[in-house]
Each structure stands twice: as structure tokens, then as C-alpha cells.
């Protein structure tokens, strides 16, 4: 939960967990198709994010 909140506060839009399981689902993870993932990744890479707290 802390990592997700930390990244969201800094403008990150995507956290690639590689796998789906009940523990990660508690934090809002969900599976997407490869096509959807590539779209989300492209959008995430275009975002301006803050790397400094």
C-alpha cells in the first residue's frame, strides 16, 4: 500500500506487478491484455512525474 500511495502522489500512473494474486488485488491491481498494457505504458511514459519527495 505504501508503494502505491507513494507513486500515485508523485504522478506515476502504472505499476507493473507482472502477476496477479489475491494479495495484490487488495491494492487494486487487475489484469489487462497486451494491447491495453502497451497503451497504458505509452501513456505512463509520457507523464511528468516527481522523483524527489
PDB file of N, CA and C in Angstrom:
ATOM      1  N   UNK A   1       0.821  -1.195   0.000  1.00  0.00           N
ATOM      2  CA  UNK A   1       0.000   0.000   0.000  1.00  0.00           C
ATOM      3  C   UNK A   1       0.865   1.259   0.000  1.00  0.00           C
ATOM      4  N   UNK A   2       1.940   1.242   0.738  1.00  0.00           N
ATOM      5  CA  UNK A   2       2.790   2.429   0.801  1.00  0.00           C
ATOM      6  C   UNK A   2       3.405   2.750  -0.551  1.00  0.00           C
ATOM      7  N   UNK A   3       3.861   1.737  -1.257  1.00  0.00           N
ATOM      8  CA  UNK A   3       4.471   1.981  -2.568  1.00  0.00           C
ATOM      9  C   UNK A   3       3.451   2.581  -3.523  1.00  0.00           C
ATOM     10  N   UNK A   4       2.259   2.028  -3.560  1.00  0.00           N
ATOM     11  CA  UNK A   4       1.210   2.533  -4.443  1.00  0.00           C
ATOM     12  C   UNK A   4       0.889   3.993  -4.124  1.00  0.00           C
ATOM     13  N   UNK A   5       0.724   4.307  -2.867  1.00  0.00           N
ATOM     14  CA  UNK A   5       0.421   5.683  -2.458  1.00  0.00           C
ATOM     15  C   UNK A   5       1.580   6.614  -2.807  1.00  0.00           C
ATOM     16  N   UNK A   6       2.794   6.172  -2.524  1.00  0.00           N
ATOM     17  CA  UNK A   6       3.989   6.960  -2.818  1.00  0.00           C
ATOM     18  C   UNK A   6       4.070   7.308  -4.305  1.00  0.00           C
ATOM     19  N   UNK A   7       3.865   6.315  -5.158  1.00  0.00           N
ATOM     20  CA  UNK A   7       3.945   6.538  -6.601  1.00  0.00           C
ATOM     21  C   UNK A   7       2.802   7.429  -7.095  1.00  0.00           C
ATOM     22  N   UNK A   8       1.607   7.190  -6.604  1.00  0.00           N
ATOM     23  CA  UNK A   8       0.452   8.000  -7.014  1.00  0.00           C
ATOM     24  C   UNK A   8       0.659   9.464  -6.657  1.00  0.00           C
ATOM     25  N   UNK A   9       1.177   9.721  -5.472  1.00  0.00           N
ATOM     26  CA  UNK A   9       1.418  11.104  -5.029  1.00  0.00           C
ATOM     27  C   UNK A   9       2.445  11.809  -5.914  1.00  0.00           C
ATOM     28  N   UNK A  10       3.285  11.064  -6.583  1.00  0.00           N
ATOM     29  CA  UNK A  10       4.316  11.655  -7.426  1.00  0.00           C
ATOM     30  C   UNK A  10       3.960  11.657  -8.904  1.00  0.00           C
ATOM     31  N   UNK A  11       2.728  11.245  -9.214  1.00  0.00           N
ATOM     32  CA  UNK A  11       2.253  11.352 -10.585  1.00  0.00           C
ATOM     33  C   UNK A  11       2.386  10.101 -11.428  1.00  0.00           C
ATOM     34  N   UNK A  12       2.883   9.017 -10.837  1.00  0.00           N
ATOM     35  CA  UNK A  12       3.005   7.773 -11.590  1.00  0.00           C
ATOM     36  C   UNK A  12       1.615   7.186 -11.835  1.00  0.00           C
ATOM     37  N   UNK A  13       1.430   6.571 -13.006  1.00  0.00           N
ATOM     38  CA  UNK A  13       0.117   6.053 -13.367  1.00  0.00           C
ATOM     39  C   UNK A  13       0.092   4.541 -13.530  1.00  0.00           C
ATOM     40  N   UNK A  14       1.249   3.905 -13.501  1.00  0.00           N
ATOM     41  CA  UNK A  14       1.302   2.478 -13.798  1.00  0.00           C
ATOM     42  C   UNK A  14       2.313   1.800 -12.888  1.00  0.00           C
ATOM     43  N   UNK A  15       1.893   0.700 -12.292  1.00  0.00           N
ATOM     44  CA  UNK A  15       2.787  -0.147 -11.511  1.00  0.00           C
ATOM     45  C   UNK A  15       2.621  -1.556 -12.061  1.00  0.00           C
ATOM     46  N   UNK A  16       3.619  -2.022 -12.779  1.00  0.00           N
ATOM     47  CA  UNK A  16       3.563  -3.328 -13.432  1.00  0.00           C
ATOM     48  C   UNK A  16       3.989  -4.400 -12.436  1.00  0.00           C
ATOM     49  N   UNK A  17       3.026  -5.178 -11.972  1.00  0.00           N
ATOM     50  CA  UNK A  17       3.307  -6.210 -10.974  1.00  0.00           C
ATOM     51  C   UNK A  17       3.672  -7.548 -11.615  1.00  0.00           C
ATOM     52  N   UNK A  18       3.503  -7.698 -12.908  1.00  0.00           N
ATOM     53  CA  UNK A  18       3.825  -8.898 -13.665  1.00  0.00           C
ATOM     54  C   UNK A  18       2.880 -10.067 -13.409  1.00  0.00           C
ATOM     55  N   UNK A  19       2.366 -10.192 -12.205  1.00  0.00           N
ATOM     56  CA  UNK A  19       1.457 -11.294 -11.864  1.00  0.00           C
ATOM     57  C   UNK A  19       0.247 -10.745 -11.126  1.00  0.00           C
ATOM     58  N   UNK A  20      -0.806 -11.509 -11.083  1.00  0.00           N
ATOM     59  CA  UNK A  20      -1.993 -11.133 -10.317  1.00  0.00           C
ATOM     60  C   UNK A  20      -2.200 -12.196  -9.250  1.00  0.00           C
ATOM     61  N   UNK A  21      -2.446 -11.749  -8.041  1.00  0.00           N
ATOM     62  CA  UNK A  21      -2.774 -12.668  -6.964  1.00  0.00           C
ATOM     63  C   UNK A  21      -3.683 -11.947  -5.977  1.00  0.00           C
ATOM     64  N   UNK A  22      -4.301 -12.679  -5.046  1.00  0.00           N
ATOM     65  CA  UNK A  22      -5.241 -12.041  -4.106  1.00  0.00           C
ATOM     66  C   UNK A  22      -4.615 -10.918  -3.283  1.00  0.00           C
ATOM     67  N   UNK A  23      -3.351 -11.061  -2.918  1.00  0.00           N
ATOM     68  CA  UNK A  23      -2.698 -10.007  -2.129  1.00  0.00           C
ATOM     69  C   UNK A  23      -2.622  -8.706  -2.924  1.00  0.00           C
ATOM     70  N   UNK A  24      -2.163  -8.785  -4.169  1.00  0.00           N
ATOM     71  CA  UNK A  24      -2.063  -7.581  -4.996  1.00  0.00           C
ATOM     72  C   UNK A  24      -3.437  -7.029  -5.361  1.00  0.00           C
ATOM     73  N   UNK A  25      -4.416  -7.890  -5.516  1.00  0.00           N
ATOM     74  CA  UNK A  25      -5.777  -7.436  -5.842  1.00  0.00           C
ATOM     75  C   UNK A  25      -6.323  -6.518  -4.745  1.00  0.00           C
ATOM     76  N   UNK A  26      -5.888  -6.724  -3.524  1.00  0.00           N
ATOM     77  CA  UNK A  26      -6.334  -5.855  -2.421  1.00  0.00           C
ATOM     78  C   UNK A  26      -5.948  -4.399  -2.667  1.00  0.00           C
ATOM     79  N   UNK A  27      -4.906  -4.197  -3.448  1.00  0.00           N
ATOM     80  CA  UNK A  27      -4.419  -2.842  -3.722  1.00  0.00           C
ATOM     81  C   UNK A  27      -4.921  -2.286  -5.054  1.00  0.00           C
ATOM     82  N   UNK A  28      -5.824  -3.025  -5.684  1.00  0.00           N
ATOM     83  CA  UNK A  28      -6.433  -2.522  -6.911  1.00  0.00           C
ATOM     84  C   UNK A  28      -5.799  -3.009  -8.195  1.00  0.00           C
ATOM     85  N   UNK A  29      -4.907  -3.992  -8.126  1.00  0.00           N
ATOM     86  CA  UNK A  29      -4.307  -4.496  -9.362  1.00  0.00           C
ATOM     87  C   UNK A  29      -5.337  -5.278 -10.171  1.00  0.00           C
ATOM     88  N   UNK A  30      -5.137  -5.303 -11.447  1.00  0.00           N
ATOM     89  CA  UNK A  30      -6.016  -6.073 -12.325  1.00  0.00           C
ATOM     90  C   UNK A  30      -5.255  -6.429 -13.590  1.00  0.00           C
ATOM     91  N   UNK A  31      -5.671  -7.499 -14.227  1.00  0.00           N
ATOM     92  CA  UNK A  31      -5.003  -7.957 -15.446  1.00  0.00           C
ATOM     93  C   UNK A  31      -5.547  -7.213 -16.661  1.00  0.00           C
ATOM     94  N   UNK A  32      -4.661  -6.976 -17.612  1.00  0.00           N
ATOM     95  CA  UNK A  32      -5.050  -6.349 -18.870  1.00  0.00           C
ATOM     96  C   UNK A  32      -4.403  -7.126 -20.014  1.00  0.00           C
ATOM     97  N   UNK A  33      -4.965  -6.978 -21.180  1.00  0.00           N
ATOM     98  CA  UNK A  33      -4.400  -7.622 -22.367  1.00  0.00           C
ATOM     99  C   UNK A  33      -3.086  -6.926 -22.752  1.00  0.00           C
ATOM    100  N   UNK A  34      -2.314  -7.585 -23.583  1.00  0.00           N
ATOM    101  CA  UNK A  34      -1.069  -6.977 -24.051  1.00  0.00           C
ATOM    102  C   UNK A  34      -1.304  -5.663 -24.765  1.00  0.00           C
ATOM    103  N   UNK A  35      -2.355  -5.596 -25.556  1.00  0.00           N
ATOM    104  CA  UNK A  35      -2.669  -4.370 -26.296  1.00  0.00           C
ATOM    105  C   UNK A  35      -2.987  -3.226 -25.335  1.00  0.00           C
ATOM    106  N   UNK A  36      -3.812  -3.508 -24.343  1.00  0.00           N
ATOM    107  CA  UNK A  36      -4.169  -2.482 -23.355  1.00  0.00           C
ATOM    108  C   UNK A  36      -2.929  -2.069 -22.566  1.00  0.00           C
ATOM    109  N   UNK A  37      -2.105  -3.048 -22.190  1.00  0.00           N
ATOM    110  CA  UNK A  37      -0.878  -2.739 -21.447  1.00  0.00           C
ATOM    111  C   UNK A  37       0.023  -1.792 -22.230  1.00  0.00           C
ATOM    112  N   UNK A  38       0.217  -2.060 -23.498  1.00  0.00           N
ATOM    113  CA  UNK A  38       1.080  -1.191 -24.308  1.00  0.00           C
ATOM    114  C   UNK A  38       0.529   0.231 -24.366  1.00  0.00           C
ATOM    115  N   UNK A  39      -0.793   0.370 -24.445  1.00  0.00           N
ATOM    116  CA  UNK A  39      -1.411   1.702 -24.438  1.00  0.00           C
ATOM    117  C   UNK A  39      -1.172   2.391 -23.096  1.00  0.00           C
ATOM    118  N   UNK A  40      -1.408   1.665 -21.997  1.00  0.00           N
ATOM    119  CA  UNK A  40      -1.199   2.237 -20.667  1.00  0.00           C
ATOM    120  C   UNK A  40       0.269   2.602 -20.451  1.00  0.00           C
ATOM    121  N   UNK A  41       1.167   1.755 -20.921  1.00  0.00           N
ATOM    122  CA  UNK A  41       2.595   2.021 -20.773  1.00  0.00           C
ATOM    123  C   UNK A  41       3.005   3.270 -21.552  1.00  0.00           C
ATOM    124  N   UNK A  42       2.521   3.399 -22.772  1.00  0.00           N
ATOM    125  CA  UNK A  42       2.836   4.581 -23.580  1.00  0.00           C
ATOM    126  C   UNK A  42       2.369   5.851 -22.871  1.00  0.00           C
ATOM    127  N   UNK A  43       1.155   5.815 -22.329  1.00  0.00           N
ATOM    128  CA  UNK A  43       0.621   6.974 -21.621  1.00  0.00           C
ATOM    129  C   UNK A  43       1.421   7.257 -20.354  1.00  0.00           C
ATOM    130  N   UNK A  44       1.798   6.208 -19.637  1.00  0.00           N
ATOM    131  CA  UNK A  44       2.559   6.396 -18.397  1.00  0.00           C
ATOM    132  C   UNK A  44       3.933   6.987 -18.665  1.00  0.00           C
ATOM    133  N   UNK A  45       4.566   6.566 -19.750  1.00  0.00           N
ATOM    134  CA  UNK A  45       5.896   7.080 -20.067  1.00  0.00           C
ATOM    135  C   UNK A  45       5.881   8.539 -20.505  1.00  0.00           C
ATOM    136  N   UNK A  46       4.732   9.032 -20.909  1.00  0.00           N
ATOM    137  CA  UNK A  46       4.601  10.429 -21.328  1.00  0.00           C
ATOM    138  C   UNK A  46       4.284  11.377 -20.176  1.00  0.00           C
ATOM    139  N   UNK A  47       4.011  10.827 -19.013  1.00  0.00           N
ATOM    140  CA  UNK A  47       3.631  11.657 -17.849  1.00  0.00           C
ATOM    141  C   UNK A  47       4.842  12.337 -17.242  1.00  0.00           C
ATOM    142  N   UNK A  48       4.615  13.499 -16.684  1.00  0.00           N
ATOM    143  CA  UNK A  48       5.638  14.185 -15.900  1.00  0.00           C
ATOM    144  C   UNK A  48       5.476  13.724 -14.458  1.00  0.00           C
ATOM    145  N   UNK A  49       6.526  13.196 -13.876  1.00  0.00           N
ATOM    146  CA  UNK A  49       6.457  12.693 -12.513  1.00  0.00           C
ATOM    147  C   UNK A  49       7.528  13.357 -11.660  1.00  0.00           C
ATOM    148  N   UNK A  50       7.329  13.307 -10.359  1.00  0.00           N
ATOM    149  CA  UNK A  50       8.289  13.863  -9.413  1.00  0.00           C
ATOM    150  C   UNK A  50       9.080  12.721  -8.792  1.00  0.00           C
ATOM    151  N   UNK A  51      10.379  12.750  -8.932  1.00  0.00           N
ATOM    152  CA  UNK A  51      11.231  11.725  -8.352  1.00  0.00           C
ATOM    153  C   UNK A  51      11.749  12.127  -6.975  1.00  0.00           C
ATOM    154  N   UNK A  52      11.578  13.383  -6.620  1.00  0.00           N
ATOM    155  CA  UNK A  52      12.051  13.885  -5.332  1.00  0.00           C
ATOM    156  C   UNK A  52      10.840  14.108  -4.410  1.00  0.00           C
ATOM    157  N   UNK A  53      10.894  13.552  -3.202  1.00  0.00           N
ATOM    158  CA  UNK A  53       9.761  13.701  -2.271  1.00  0.00           C
ATOM    159  C   UNK A  53       9.479  15.128  -1.885  1.00  0.00           C
TER     160      UNK A  53
END
